């Protein structure tokens, strides 16, 4: 049911929060998801709940979400199709993780199937409705407009889940683009360097790539610094630090003000280093030309302009590593940071 009808009957809320819910199944920071049902993804919380069908609140006759994305959709669909969801649990977990965190283990035998599902959802969403974070451009509220997406996708998803070839016309272009990018990521032209003590993965690769390839090897890390040819760079805090990650402790997000100031003091090019706030779903630090919209920042790196810097890549990497090493010194990783605690860590 649409999110606006939340209080009209007992309702389970997936990948969202709201007053008057019977049960919350969301990985959002501070969401009232019961502790036994917490999971890295909201769909994962739903699947945990389906293994405990007598859990209080699951008897509610309705389910809702305040936005449409892969994780939330998989969770809503799973509550409406519990037997099918449990039969395909591993695949649905891969799909939700890829949709939210852009992480995919290519050694998993179900990896390509999950990629096809996500690409089908993405392609049909853009073709029939609007791109993620695109509702404001249409002067619509996401919680209202997204109901139309759920109504279209819910009765069609089972067919693609069990026979992805039925959706080939929609998913094939994006899947092929990701396959080509994965080949680049796995080639000698790409190198990665890990700094586990600060949760940073540095990826050096010739050109910007789709997230589903670029972030593939970033599981277990919460920050990615991408270094491209011609001194083009982007730094990003992953979505794993916006939500309450269940599987492992994390460090709190820190404001990027000081790092941007340090880089701007060295930058001699025509653009300035800018950054998003810690509460953004995926804060970027990058050289800014025309300000990007939220939809552009959410889109793949190869779909937006990335400008050349005067700073050499080895200097840029060292500045980023030094910044976080210094500021994370004395802060221990843990689970369930509140936004107030994150802000306090940043102020320190």
C-alpha atoms as a PDB file:
ATOM      1  CA  UNK A   1       0.000   0.000   0.000  1.00  0.00           C
ATOM      2  CA  UNK A   2       1.177   3.600  -0.556  1.00  0.00           C
ATOM      3  CA  UNK A   3       3.219   5.108   2.264  1.00  0.00           C
ATOM      4  CA  UNK A   4       0.669   7.901   2.711  1.00  0.00           C
ATOM      5  CA  UNK A   5      -1.858   5.270   3.919  1.00  0.00           C
ATOM      6  CA  UNK A   6       0.490   4.004   6.640  1.00  0.00           C
ATOM      7  CA  UNK A   7      -1.839   4.624   9.585  1.00  0.00           C
ATOM      8  CA  UNK A   8      -5.003   3.258   8.008  1.00  0.00           C
ATOM      9  CA  UNK A   9      -4.320  -0.328   9.114  1.00  0.00           C
ATOM     10  CA  UNK A  10      -1.563  -2.330  10.841  1.00  0.00           C
ATOM     11  CA  UNK A  11       1.410  -2.096   8.501  1.00  0.00           C
ATOM     12  CA  UNK A  12       4.978  -3.365   8.157  1.00  0.00           C
ATOM     13  CA  UNK A  13       7.426  -0.721   6.929  1.00  0.00           C
ATOM     14  CA  UNK A  14      10.367  -1.888   4.811  1.00  0.00           C
ATOM     15  CA  UNK A  15      13.541   0.120   4.136  1.00  0.00           C
ATOM     16  CA  UNK A  16      11.890   3.187   5.656  1.00  0.00           C
ATOM     17  CA  UNK A  17      10.782   4.569   8.984  1.00  0.00           C
ATOM     18  CA  UNK A  18       7.459   6.009  10.057  1.00  0.00           C
ATOM     19  CA  UNK A  19       5.232   6.591  13.048  1.00  0.00           C
ATOM     20  CA  UNK A  20       2.481   4.107  13.698  1.00  0.00           C
ATOM     21  CA  UNK A  21       4.152   1.080  12.146  1.00  0.00           C
ATOM     22  CA  UNK A  22       3.436  -2.416  13.405  1.00  0.00           C
ATOM     23  CA  UNK A  23       6.935  -3.642  12.518  1.00  0.00           C
ATOM     24  CA  UNK A  24       9.968  -1.910  11.018  1.00  0.00           C
ATOM     25  CA  UNK A  25      12.338  -3.920   8.810  1.00  0.00           C
ATOM     26  CA  UNK A  26      14.973  -1.394   7.774  1.00  0.00           C
ATOM     27  CA  UNK A  27      18.711  -0.969   7.997  1.00  0.00           C
ATOM     28  CA  UNK A  28      18.423   2.815   8.239  1.00  0.00           C
ATOM     29  CA  UNK A  29      20.485   4.331  11.024  1.00  0.00           C
ATOM     30  CA  UNK A  30      18.425   4.367  14.200  1.00  0.00           C
ATOM     31  CA  UNK A  31      15.481   2.440  12.707  1.00  0.00           C
ATOM     32  CA  UNK A  32      13.386   0.453  15.182  1.00  0.00           C
ATOM     33  CA  UNK A  33      14.185  -2.899  13.581  1.00  0.00           C
ATOM     34  CA  UNK A  34      14.064  -5.602  16.298  1.00  0.00           C
ATOM     35  CA  UNK A  35      17.566  -6.759  17.192  1.00  0.00           C
ATOM     36  CA  UNK A  36      17.070 -10.406  16.109  1.00  0.00           C
ATOM     37  CA  UNK A  37      16.039  -9.191  12.637  1.00  0.00           C
ATOM     38  CA  UNK A  38      18.832  -6.703  11.998  1.00  0.00           C
ATOM     39  CA  UNK A  39      20.755  -7.280   8.792  1.00  0.00           C
ATOM     40  CA  UNK A  40      23.055  -5.401   6.413  1.00  0.00           C
ATOM     41  CA  UNK A  41      20.187  -4.830   3.978  1.00  0.00           C
ATOM     42  CA  UNK A  42      16.521  -4.186   4.630  1.00  0.00           C
ATOM     43  CA  UNK A  43      15.662  -7.146   2.403  1.00  0.00           C
ATOM     44  CA  UNK A  44      17.946  -9.212   4.614  1.00  0.00           C
ATOM     45  CA  UNK A  45      15.893  -8.192   7.645  1.00  0.00           C
ATOM     46  CA  UNK A  46      12.742  -9.284   5.824  1.00  0.00           C
ATOM     47  CA  UNK A  47      14.290 -12.655   5.019  1.00  0.00           C
ATOM     48  CA  UNK A  48      15.310 -13.097   8.651  1.00  0.00           C
ATOM     49  CA  UNK A  49      11.730 -12.351   9.641  1.00  0.00           C
ATOM     50  CA  UNK A  50      10.396 -14.942   7.202  1.00  0.00           C
ATOM     51  CA  UNK A  51      12.444 -17.557   9.039  1.00  0.00           C
ATOM     52  CA  UNK A  52      10.524 -16.578  12.190  1.00  0.00           C
ATOM     53  CA  UNK A  53       6.921 -16.369  10.931  1.00  0.00           C
ATOM     54  CA  UNK A  54       5.502 -16.007  14.452  1.00  0.00           C
ATOM     55  CA  UNK A  55       7.589 -12.914  15.156  1.00  0.00           C
ATOM     56  CA  UNK A  56       5.358 -10.174  16.622  1.00  0.00           C
ATOM     57  CA  UNK A  57       4.140  -7.787  13.946  1.00  0.00           C
ATOM     58  CA  UNK A  58       4.397 -10.130  10.971  1.00  0.00           C
ATOM     59  CA  UNK A  59       0.669 -10.741  11.213  1.00  0.00           C
ATOM     60  CA  UNK A  60       0.039  -7.209   9.875  1.00  0.00           C
ATOM     61  CA  UNK A  61      -1.986  -7.332   6.646  1.00  0.00           C
ATOM     62  CA  UNK A  62      -0.132  -4.580   4.780  1.00  0.00           C
ATOM     63  CA  UNK A  63       3.396  -3.534   3.829  1.00  0.00           C
ATOM     64  CA  UNK A  64       4.752  -0.206   2.575  1.00  0.00           C
ATOM     65  CA  UNK A  65       7.931   1.722   1.791  1.00  0.00           C
ATOM     66  CA  UNK A  66       8.520   5.437   1.328  1.00  0.00           C
ATOM     67  CA  UNK A  67      10.712   5.063  -1.786  1.00  0.00           C
ATOM     68  CA  UNK A  68      11.533   2.593  -4.520  1.00  0.00           C
ATOM     69  CA  UNK A  69      14.973   1.037  -4.824  1.00  0.00           C
ATOM     70  CA  UNK A  70      16.319  -2.479  -5.321  1.00  0.00           C
ATOM     71  CA  UNK A  71      16.758  -3.315  -1.633  1.00  0.00           C
ATOM     72  CA  UNK A  72      13.375  -1.961  -0.583  1.00  0.00           C
ATOM     73  CA  UNK A  73      11.587  -3.580  -3.493  1.00  0.00           C
ATOM     74  CA  UNK A  74      13.147  -6.985  -2.820  1.00  0.00           C
ATOM     75  CA  UNK A  75      12.055  -6.676   0.806  1.00  0.00           C
ATOM     76  CA  UNK A  76       8.464  -5.734  -0.038  1.00  0.00           C
ATOM     77  CA  UNK A  77       8.207  -8.465  -2.691  1.00  0.00           C
ATOM     78  CA  UNK A  78       9.603 -11.049  -0.279  1.00  0.00           C
ATOM     79  CA  UNK A  79       6.978 -10.259   2.381  1.00  0.00           C
ATOM     80  CA  UNK A  80       4.253 -10.685  -0.233  1.00  0.00           C
ATOM     81  CA  UNK A  81       5.795 -13.903  -1.602  1.00  0.00           C
ATOM     82  CA  UNK A  82       7.356 -15.588   1.445  1.00  0.00           C
ATOM     83  CA  UNK A  83       7.683 -19.145   0.111  1.00  0.00           C
ATOM     84  CA  UNK A  84       9.301 -17.981  -3.129  1.00  0.00           C
ATOM     85  CA  UNK A  85      11.547 -15.574  -1.242  1.00  0.00           C
ATOM     86  CA  UNK A  86      12.907 -18.286   1.037  1.00  0.00           C
ATOM     87  CA  UNK A  87      13.442 -20.584  -1.940  1.00  0.00           C
ATOM     88  CA  UNK A  88      15.566 -17.902  -3.633  1.00  0.00           C
ATOM     89  CA  UNK A  89      17.030 -16.385  -0.462  1.00  0.00           C
ATOM     90  CA  UNK A  90      20.701 -16.357  -1.464  1.00  0.00           C
ATOM     91  CA  UNK A  91      19.973 -14.794  -4.845  1.00  0.00           C
ATOM     92  CA  UNK A  92      17.723 -12.144  -3.290  1.00  0.00           C
ATOM     93  CA  UNK A  93      20.385 -11.276  -0.720  1.00  0.00           C
ATOM     94  CA  UNK A  94      22.968 -10.829  -3.491  1.00  0.00           C
ATOM     95  CA  UNK A  95      20.513  -8.675  -5.420  1.00  0.00           C
ATOM     96  CA  UNK A  96      19.759  -6.391  -2.475  1.00  0.00           C
ATOM     97  CA  UNK A  97      23.454  -6.019  -1.615  1.00  0.00           C
ATOM     98  CA  UNK A  98      24.360  -5.157  -5.191  1.00  0.00           C
ATOM     99  CA  UNK A  99      21.515  -2.676  -5.410  1.00  0.00           C
ATOM    100  CA  UNK A 100      22.438  -0.791  -2.239  1.00  0.00           C
ATOM    101  CA  UNK A 101      26.194  -1.231  -1.759  1.00  0.00           C
ATOM    102  CA  UNK A 102      27.219  -1.872  -5.402  1.00  0.00           C
ATOM    103  CA  UNK A 103      29.230  -4.866  -4.154  1.00  0.00           C
ATOM    104  CA  UNK A 104      29.257  -8.171  -6.045  1.00  0.00           C
ATOM    105  CA  UNK A 105      31.474 -11.216  -5.549  1.00  0.00           C
ATOM    106  CA  UNK A 106      32.111 -12.460  -9.064  1.00  0.00           C
ATOM    107  CA  UNK A 107      33.220 -15.843  -7.725  1.00  0.00           C
ATOM    108  CA  UNK A 108      29.685 -16.489  -6.498  1.00  0.00           C
ATOM    109  CA  UNK A 109      27.848 -18.744  -8.990  1.00  0.00           C
ATOM    110  CA  UNK A 110      24.722 -16.576  -8.644  1.00  0.00           C
ATOM    111  CA  UNK A 111      26.514 -13.269  -9.232  1.00  0.00           C
ATOM    112  CA  UNK A 112      25.531 -12.796 -12.854  1.00  0.00           C
ATOM    113  CA  UNK A 113      21.919 -13.751 -12.146  1.00  0.00           C
ATOM    114  CA  UNK A 114      21.794 -11.055  -9.441  1.00  0.00           C
ATOM    115  CA  UNK A 115      23.332  -8.541 -11.843  1.00  0.00           C
ATOM    116  CA  UNK A 116      20.653  -9.293 -14.438  1.00  0.00           C
ATOM    117  CA  UNK A 117      17.884  -8.766 -11.877  1.00  0.00           C
ATOM    118  CA  UNK A 118      19.315  -5.438 -10.722  1.00  0.00           C
ATOM    119  CA  UNK A 119      19.913  -4.240 -14.283  1.00  0.00           C
ATOM    120  CA  UNK A 120      16.370  -5.250 -15.268  1.00  0.00           C
ATOM    121  CA  UNK A 121      14.940  -3.286 -12.354  1.00  0.00           C
ATOM    122  CA  UNK A 122      17.131  -0.275 -13.180  1.00  0.00           C
ATOM    123  CA  UNK A 123      16.361  -0.282 -16.892  1.00  0.00           C
ATOM    124  CA  UNK A 124      12.607  -0.695 -16.549  1.00  0.00           C
ATOM    125  CA  UNK A 125      12.472   1.916 -13.785  1.00  0.00           C
ATOM    126  CA  UNK A 126      14.183   4.533 -15.958  1.00  0.00           C
ATOM    127  CA  UNK A 127      12.265   3.641 -19.114  1.00  0.00           C
ATOM    128  CA  UNK A 128       8.785   3.520 -17.604  1.00  0.00           C
ATOM    129  CA  UNK A 129       9.016   5.977 -14.711  1.00  0.00           C
ATOM    130  CA  UNK A 130      11.960   8.153 -13.641  1.00  0.00           C
ATOM    131  CA  UNK A 131      15.535   7.615 -12.478  1.00  0.00           C
ATOM    132  CA  UNK A 132      16.417   7.290  -8.768  1.00  0.00           C
ATOM    133  CA  UNK A 133      16.155  10.638  -6.960  1.00  0.00           C
ATOM    134  CA  UNK A 134      14.356  12.025 -10.009  1.00  0.00           C
ATOM    135  CA  UNK A 135      10.954  12.682  -8.417  1.00  0.00           C
ATOM    136  CA  UNK A 136      11.691  16.316  -7.429  1.00  0.00           C
ATOM    137  CA  UNK A 137      12.443  17.185 -11.063  1.00  0.00           C
ATOM    138  CA  UNK A 138       8.910  16.008 -11.860  1.00  0.00           C
ATOM    139  CA  UNK A 139       7.565  18.075  -8.943  1.00  0.00           C
ATOM    140  CA  UNK A 140       6.406  14.931  -7.203  1.00  0.00           C
ATOM    141  CA  UNK A 141       7.005  13.445  -3.768  1.00  0.00           C
ATOM    142  CA  UNK A 142       8.992  10.218  -3.846  1.00  0.00           C
ATOM    143  CA  UNK A 143       6.773   8.469  -1.297  1.00  0.00           C
ATOM    144  CA  UNK A 144       3.732   9.100  -3.516  1.00  0.00           C
ATOM    145  CA  UNK A 145       5.261   8.619  -6.972  1.00  0.00           C
ATOM    146  CA  UNK A 146       7.081   5.412  -6.034  1.00  0.00           C
ATOM    147  CA  UNK A 147       3.779   3.613  -5.386  1.00  0.00           C
ATOM    148  CA  UNK A 148       3.306   3.434  -9.160  1.00  0.00           C
ATOM    149  CA  UNK A 149       6.644   1.650  -9.513  1.00  0.00           C
ATOM    150  CA  UNK A 150       5.721  -0.960  -6.917  1.00  0.00           C
ATOM    151  CA  UNK A 151       2.381  -1.556  -8.613  1.00  0.00           C
ATOM    152  CA  UNK A 152       4.121  -2.258 -11.925  1.00  0.00           C
ATOM    153  CA  UNK A 153       7.063  -4.330 -10.690  1.00  0.00           C
ATOM    154  CA  UNK A 154       5.446  -6.495  -7.996  1.00  0.00           C
ATOM    155  CA  UNK A 155       3.392  -8.753 -10.309  1.00  0.00           C
ATOM    156  CA  UNK A 156       6.233  -9.041 -12.875  1.00  0.00           C
ATOM    157  CA  UNK A 157       9.286  -9.767 -10.751  1.00  0.00           C
ATOM    158  CA  UNK A 158       8.755 -13.506 -10.217  1.00  0.00           C
ATOM    159  CA  UNK A 159       9.023 -14.241 -13.939  1.00  0.00           C
ATOM    160  CA  UNK A 160      12.382 -12.442 -14.241  1.00  0.00           C
ATOM    161  CA  UNK A 161      13.610 -13.948 -10.962  1.00  0.00           C
ATOM    162  CA  UNK A 162      12.996 -17.486 -12.210  1.00  0.00           C
ATOM    163  CA  UNK A 163      13.709 -16.874 -15.896  1.00  0.00           C
ATOM    164  CA  UNK A 164      15.913 -13.817 -16.452  1.00  0.00           C
ATOM    165  CA  UNK A 165      15.946 -14.449 -20.192  1.00  0.00           C
ATOM    166  CA  UNK A 166      12.388 -13.114 -20.241  1.00  0.00           C
ATOM    167  CA  UNK A 167      13.791  -9.666 -19.435  1.00  0.00           C
ATOM    168  CA  UNK A 168      16.868  -9.790 -21.665  1.00  0.00           C
ATOM    169  CA  UNK A 169      15.805  -6.861 -23.855  1.00  0.00           C
ATOM    170  CA  UNK A 170      15.804  -4.601 -20.809  1.00  0.00           C
ATOM    171  CA  UNK A 171      18.842  -5.839 -18.872  1.00  0.00           C
ATOM    172  CA  UNK A 172      21.263  -6.784 -21.636  1.00  0.00           C
ATOM    173  CA  UNK A 173      22.719  -3.319 -22.465  1.00  0.00           C
ATOM    174  CA  UNK A 174      23.596  -2.528 -18.841  1.00  0.00           C
ATOM    175  CA  UNK A 175      24.799  -6.050 -18.079  1.00  0.00           C
ATOM    176  CA  UNK A 176      27.141  -5.934 -21.067  1.00  0.00           C
ATOM    177  CA  UNK A 177      28.466  -2.529 -20.002  1.00  0.00           C
ATOM    178  CA  UNK A 178      29.179  -3.902 -16.525  1.00  0.00           C
ATOM    179  CA  UNK A 179      30.810  -7.060 -17.937  1.00  0.00           C
ATOM    180  CA  UNK A 180      33.206  -4.945 -19.984  1.00  0.00           C
ATOM    181  CA  UNK A 181      33.996  -2.820 -16.944  1.00  0.00           C
ATOM    182  CA  UNK A 182      34.600  -5.898 -14.775  1.00  0.00           C
ATOM    183  CA  UNK A 183      37.079  -7.155 -17.387  1.00  0.00           C
ATOM    184  CA  UNK A 184      38.953  -3.860 -17.002  1.00  0.00           C
ATOM    185  CA  UNK A 185      38.852  -4.116 -13.205  1.00  0.00           C
ATOM    186  CA  UNK A 186      40.321  -7.629 -13.410  1.00  0.00           C
ATOM    187  CA  UNK A 187      42.997  -6.694 -15.959  1.00  0.00           C
ATOM    188  CA  UNK A 188      46.573  -5.548 -15.448  1.00  0.00           C
ATOM    189  CA  UNK A 189      45.509  -1.968 -16.166  1.00  0.00           C
ATOM    190  CA  UNK A 190      43.764  -1.778 -12.775  1.00  0.00           C
ATOM    191  CA  UNK A 191      45.414  -1.933  -9.375  1.00  0.00           C
ATOM    192  CA  UNK A 192      43.971  -1.686  -5.876  1.00  0.00           C
ATOM    193  CA  UNK A 193      45.614  -0.705  -2.612  1.00  0.00           C
ATOM    194  CA  UNK A 194      43.925  -1.331   0.716  1.00  0.00           C
ATOM    195  CA  UNK A 195      44.239   0.619   3.947  1.00  0.00           C
ATOM    196  CA  UNK A 196      42.138  -1.550   6.275  1.00  0.00           C
ATOM    197  CA  UNK A 197      42.955   0.478   9.397  1.00  0.00           C
ATOM    198  CA  UNK A 198      40.888   3.365   8.004  1.00  0.00           C
ATOM    199  CA  UNK A 199      38.505   1.328   5.818  1.00  0.00           C
ATOM    200  CA  UNK A 200      39.834   2.779   2.539  1.00  0.00           C
ATOM    201  CA  UNK A 201      40.263   1.050  -0.817  1.00  0.00           C
ATOM    202  CA  UNK A 202      42.191   2.894  -3.532  1.00  0.00           C
ATOM    203  CA  UNK A 203      41.367   1.870  -7.111  1.00  0.00           C
ATOM    204  CA  UNK A 204      43.649   2.958  -9.952  1.00  0.00           C
ATOM    205  CA  UNK A 205      42.053   2.321 -13.330  1.00  0.00           C
ATOM    206  CA  UNK A 206      42.257   4.149 -16.681  1.00  0.00           C
ATOM    207  CA  UNK A 207      38.693   5.485 -17.037  1.00  0.00           C
ATOM    208  CA  UNK A 208      35.591   5.977 -14.841  1.00  0.00           C
ATOM    209  CA  UNK A 209      33.540   2.787 -14.635  1.00  0.00           C
ATOM    210  CA  UNK A 210      30.028   1.718 -13.578  1.00  0.00           C
ATOM    211  CA  UNK A 211      29.683   1.284  -9.827  1.00  0.00           C
ATOM    212  CA  UNK A 212      28.748  -2.395 -10.123  1.00  0.00           C
ATOM    213  CA  UNK A 213      32.273  -3.022 -11.446  1.00  0.00           C
ATOM    214  CA  UNK A 214      34.199  -0.283  -9.631  1.00  0.00           C
ATOM    215  CA  UNK A 215      32.892  -1.171  -6.160  1.00  0.00           C
ATOM    216  CA  UNK A 216      32.961  -4.930  -6.746  1.00  0.00           C
ATOM    217  CA  UNK A 217      36.195  -5.487  -4.790  1.00  0.00           C
ATOM    218  CA  UNK A 218      35.268  -2.973  -2.065  1.00  0.00           C
ATOM    219  CA  UNK A 219      33.357  -5.371   0.223  1.00  0.00           C
ATOM    220  CA  UNK A 220      34.614  -4.822   3.743  1.00  0.00           C
ATOM    221  CA  UNK A 221      35.670  -1.229   3.017  1.00  0.00           C
ATOM    222  CA  UNK A 222      33.650   1.934   3.560  1.00  0.00           C
ATOM    223  CA  UNK A 223      35.607   4.493   1.511  1.00  0.00           C
ATOM    224  CA  UNK A 224      36.779   4.310  -2.097  1.00  0.00           C
ATOM    225  CA  UNK A 225      39.317   6.616  -3.714  1.00  0.00           C
ATOM    226  CA  UNK A 226      39.225   6.269  -7.498  1.00  0.00           C
ATOM    227  CA  UNK A 227      42.283   7.405  -9.465  1.00  0.00           C
ATOM    228  CA  UNK A 228      41.808   7.714 -13.221  1.00  0.00           C
ATOM    229  CA  UNK A 229      44.163   8.673 -16.038  1.00  0.00           C
ATOM    230  CA  UNK A 230      44.885  12.385 -16.601  1.00  0.00           C
ATOM    231  CA  UNK A 231      44.823  13.087 -12.853  1.00  0.00           C
ATOM    232  CA  UNK A 232      41.061  12.625 -12.521  1.00  0.00           C
ATOM    233  CA  UNK A 233      39.904  11.616  -9.058  1.00  0.00           C
ATOM    234  CA  UNK A 234      36.843  10.957  -6.925  1.00  0.00           C
ATOM    235  CA  UNK A 235      36.579   9.978  -3.273  1.00  0.00           C
ATOM    236  CA  UNK A 236      33.347   8.483  -1.905  1.00  0.00           C
ATOM    237  CA  UNK A 237      32.001   7.367   1.437  1.00  0.00           C
ATOM    238  CA  UNK A 238      30.009   4.249   0.631  1.00  0.00           C
ATOM    239  CA  UNK A 239      26.389   3.742   1.615  1.00  0.00           C
ATOM    240  CA  UNK A 240      27.627   1.188   4.169  1.00  0.00           C
ATOM    241  CA  UNK A 241      28.290   4.111   6.542  1.00  0.00           C
ATOM    242  CA  UNK A 242      24.863   5.719   6.069  1.00  0.00           C
ATOM    243  CA  UNK A 243      23.034   2.682   7.418  1.00  0.00           C
ATOM    244  CA  UNK A 244      23.376   0.491  10.511  1.00  0.00           C
ATOM    245  CA  UNK A 245      25.625  -2.235   9.136  1.00  0.00           C
ATOM    246  CA  UNK A 246      25.059  -5.472  11.046  1.00  0.00           C
ATOM    247  CA  UNK A 247      27.856  -7.732   9.792  1.00  0.00           C
ATOM    248  CA  UNK A 248      30.863  -5.736  11.003  1.00  0.00           C
ATOM    249  CA  UNK A 249      31.854  -2.604  12.947  1.00  0.00           C
ATOM    250  CA  UNK A 250      32.552   0.619  11.074  1.00  0.00           C
ATOM    251  CA  UNK A 251      34.228   3.946  11.698  1.00  0.00           C
ATOM    252  CA  UNK A 252      32.012   7.049  11.750  1.00  0.00           C
ATOM    253  CA  UNK A 253      31.845   9.336   8.743  1.00  0.00           C
ATOM    254  CA  UNK A 254      33.907  12.488   9.158  1.00  0.00           C
ATOM    255  CA  UNK A 255      33.246  15.874   7.519  1.00  0.00           C
ATOM    256  CA  UNK A 256      35.498  16.400   4.499  1.00  0.00           C
ATOM    257  CA  UNK A 257      35.984  20.122   5.102  1.00  0.00           C
ATOM    258  CA  UNK A 258      39.613  19.857   6.176  1.00  0.00           C
ATOM    259  CA  UNK A 259      40.574  17.467   3.378  1.00  0.00           C
ATOM    260  CA  UNK A 260      38.989  19.715   0.748  1.00  0.00           C
ATOM    261  CA  UNK A 261      40.799  22.744   2.198  1.00  0.00           C
ATOM    262  CA  UNK A 262      44.119  20.892   2.085  1.00  0.00           C
ATOM    263  CA  UNK A 263      43.606  19.900  -1.549  1.00  0.00           C
ATOM    264  CA  UNK A 264      42.398  23.359  -2.577  1.00  0.00           C
ATOM    265  CA  UNK A 265      45.575  24.843  -1.077  1.00  0.00           C
ATOM    266  CA  UNK A 266      47.566  22.714  -3.533  1.00  0.00           C
ATOM    267  CA  UNK A 267      45.199  22.785  -6.521  1.00  0.00           C
ATOM    268  CA  UNK A 268      46.325  24.993  -9.405  1.00  0.00           C
ATOM    269  CA  UNK A 269      43.715  23.935 -11.918  1.00  0.00           C
ATOM    270  CA  UNK A 270      40.536  25.872 -12.814  1.00  0.00           C
ATOM    271  CA  UNK A 271      38.222  23.834 -10.553  1.00  0.00           C
ATOM    272  CA  UNK A 272      37.820  23.646  -6.778  1.00  0.00           C
ATOM    273  CA  UNK A 273      37.523  20.621  -4.522  1.00  0.00           C
ATOM    274  CA  UNK A 274      33.997  20.319  -3.135  1.00  0.00           C
ATOM    275  CA  UNK A 275      32.319  17.768  -0.901  1.00  0.00           C
ATOM    276  CA  UNK A 276      28.935  16.565   0.320  1.00  0.00           C
ATOM    277  CA  UNK A 277      27.834  16.485   3.949  1.00  0.00           C
ATOM    278  CA  UNK A 278      28.095  13.400   6.149  1.00  0.00           C
ATOM    279  CA  UNK A 279      24.348  12.727   6.022  1.00  0.00           C
ATOM    280  CA  UNK A 280      24.301  12.380   2.238  1.00  0.00           C
ATOM    281  CA  UNK A 281      23.726   8.765   1.178  1.00  0.00           C
ATOM    282  CA  UNK A 282      27.089   8.671  -0.630  1.00  0.00           C
ATOM    283  CA  UNK A 283      29.174  11.803   0.005  1.00  0.00           C
ATOM    284  CA  UNK A 284      31.585  12.642  -2.811  1.00  0.00           C
ATOM    285  CA  UNK A 285      34.799  14.661  -2.712  1.00  0.00           C
ATOM    286  CA  UNK A 286      35.694  15.820  -6.226  1.00  0.00           C
ATOM    287  CA  UNK A 287      36.708  18.706  -8.410  1.00  0.00           C
ATOM    288  CA  UNK A 288      33.514  20.547  -9.153  1.00  0.00           C
ATOM    289  CA  UNK A 289      32.460  22.286 -12.324  1.00  0.00           C
ATOM    290  CA  UNK A 290      28.703  22.759 -12.578  1.00  0.00           C
ATOM    291  CA  UNK A 291      27.060  21.486  -9.388  1.00  0.00           C
ATOM    292  CA  UNK A 292      25.739  17.967  -9.763  1.00  0.00           C
ATOM    293  CA  UNK A 293      22.172  17.050  -8.905  1.00  0.00           C
ATOM    294  CA  UNK A 294      21.486  14.202  -6.469  1.00  0.00           C
ATOM    295  CA  UNK A 295      20.479  12.020  -9.430  1.00  0.00           C
ATOM    296  CA  UNK A 296      23.820  12.727 -11.143  1.00  0.00           C
ATOM    297  CA  UNK A 297      25.780  11.953  -7.984  1.00  0.00           C
ATOM    298  CA  UNK A 298      23.905   8.677  -7.583  1.00  0.00           C
ATOM    299  CA  UNK A 299      24.504   7.736 -11.231  1.00  0.00           C
ATOM    300  CA  UNK A 300      27.623   5.868 -12.336  1.00  0.00           C
ATOM    301  CA  UNK A 301      30.968   7.725 -12.401  1.00  0.00           C
ATOM    302  CA  UNK A 302      31.189   7.251 -16.161  1.00  0.00           C
ATOM    303  CA  UNK A 303      27.935   9.187 -16.515  1.00  0.00           C
ATOM    304  CA  UNK A 304      29.231  12.484 -15.052  1.00  0.00           C
ATOM    305  CA  UNK A 305      32.177  14.792 -15.829  1.00  0.00           C
ATOM    306  CA  UNK A 306      35.333  14.207 -13.781  1.00  0.00           C
ATOM    307  CA  UNK A 307      37.928  16.953 -14.110  1.00  0.00           C
ATOM    308  CA  UNK A 308      41.729  16.820 -14.218  1.00  0.00           C
ATOM    309  CA  UNK A 309      43.684  18.025 -11.190  1.00  0.00           C
ATOM    310  CA  UNK A 310      47.125  19.575 -10.971  1.00  0.00           C
ATOM    311  CA  UNK A 311      47.890  17.285  -8.015  1.00  0.00           C
ATOM    312  CA  UNK A 312      49.824  14.097  -8.914  1.00  0.00           C
ATOM    313  CA  UNK A 313      48.007  10.851  -8.038  1.00  0.00           C
ATOM    314  CA  UNK A 314      50.590   9.669  -5.504  1.00  0.00           C
ATOM    315  CA  UNK A 315      50.330  13.009  -3.677  1.00  0.00           C
ATOM    316  CA  UNK A 316      46.547  12.933  -3.749  1.00  0.00           C
ATOM    317  CA  UNK A 317      46.475   9.399  -2.345  1.00  0.00           C
ATOM    318  CA  UNK A 318      48.934  10.294   0.418  1.00  0.00           C
ATOM    319  CA  UNK A 319      46.908  13.358   1.425  1.00  0.00           C
ATOM    320  CA  UNK A 320      43.723  11.299   1.686  1.00  0.00           C
ATOM    321  CA  UNK A 321      45.387   8.499   3.642  1.00  0.00           C
ATOM    322  CA  UNK A 322      47.132  10.915   6.013  1.00  0.00           C
ATOM    323  CA  UNK A 323      43.919  12.873   6.625  1.00  0.00           C
ATOM    324  CA  UNK A 324      41.978   9.818   7.759  1.00  0.00           C
ATOM    325  CA  UNK A 325      44.823   8.191   9.637  1.00  0.00           C
ATOM    326  CA  UNK A 326      45.222  11.310  11.736  1.00  0.00           C
ATOM    327  CA  UNK A 327      41.529  11.879  12.371  1.00  0.00           C
ATOM    328  CA  UNK A 328      40.617   8.259  13.003  1.00  0.00           C
ATOM    329  CA  UNK A 329      43.456   7.838  15.502  1.00  0.00           C
ATOM    330  CA  UNK A 330      41.878   6.996  18.839  1.00  0.00           C
ATOM    331  CA  UNK A 331      38.431   6.188  17.340  1.00  0.00           C
ATOM    332  CA  UNK A 332      37.483   2.524  17.567  1.00  0.00           C
ATOM    333  CA  UNK A 333      35.182   0.939  14.958  1.00  0.00           C
ATOM    334  CA  UNK A 334      31.831  -0.256  16.296  1.00  0.00           C
ATOM    335  CA  UNK A 335      28.257  -0.918  15.269  1.00  0.00           C
ATOM    336  CA  UNK A 336      25.226   1.338  15.514  1.00  0.00           C
ATOM    337  CA  UNK A 337      26.634   4.845  15.558  1.00  0.00           C
ATOM    338  CA  UNK A 338      23.908   7.447  16.022  1.00  0.00           C
ATOM    339  CA  UNK A 339      23.955  10.559  13.849  1.00  0.00           C
ATOM    340  CA  UNK A 340      24.598  12.593  17.006  1.00  0.00           C
ATOM    341  CA  UNK A 341      27.660  10.449  17.761  1.00  0.00           C
ATOM    342  CA  UNK A 342      28.874  10.802  14.172  1.00  0.00           C
ATOM    343  CA  UNK A 343      28.576  14.570  14.325  1.00  0.00           C
ATOM    344  CA  UNK A 344      30.399  14.617  17.674  1.00  0.00           C
ATOM    345  CA  UNK A 345      33.235  12.541  16.237  1.00  0.00           C
ATOM    346  CA  UNK A 346      33.513  15.000  13.380  1.00  0.00           C
ATOM    347  CA  UNK A 347      33.626  17.976  15.703  1.00  0.00           C
ATOM    348  CA  UNK A 348      36.486  16.421  17.633  1.00  0.00           C
END
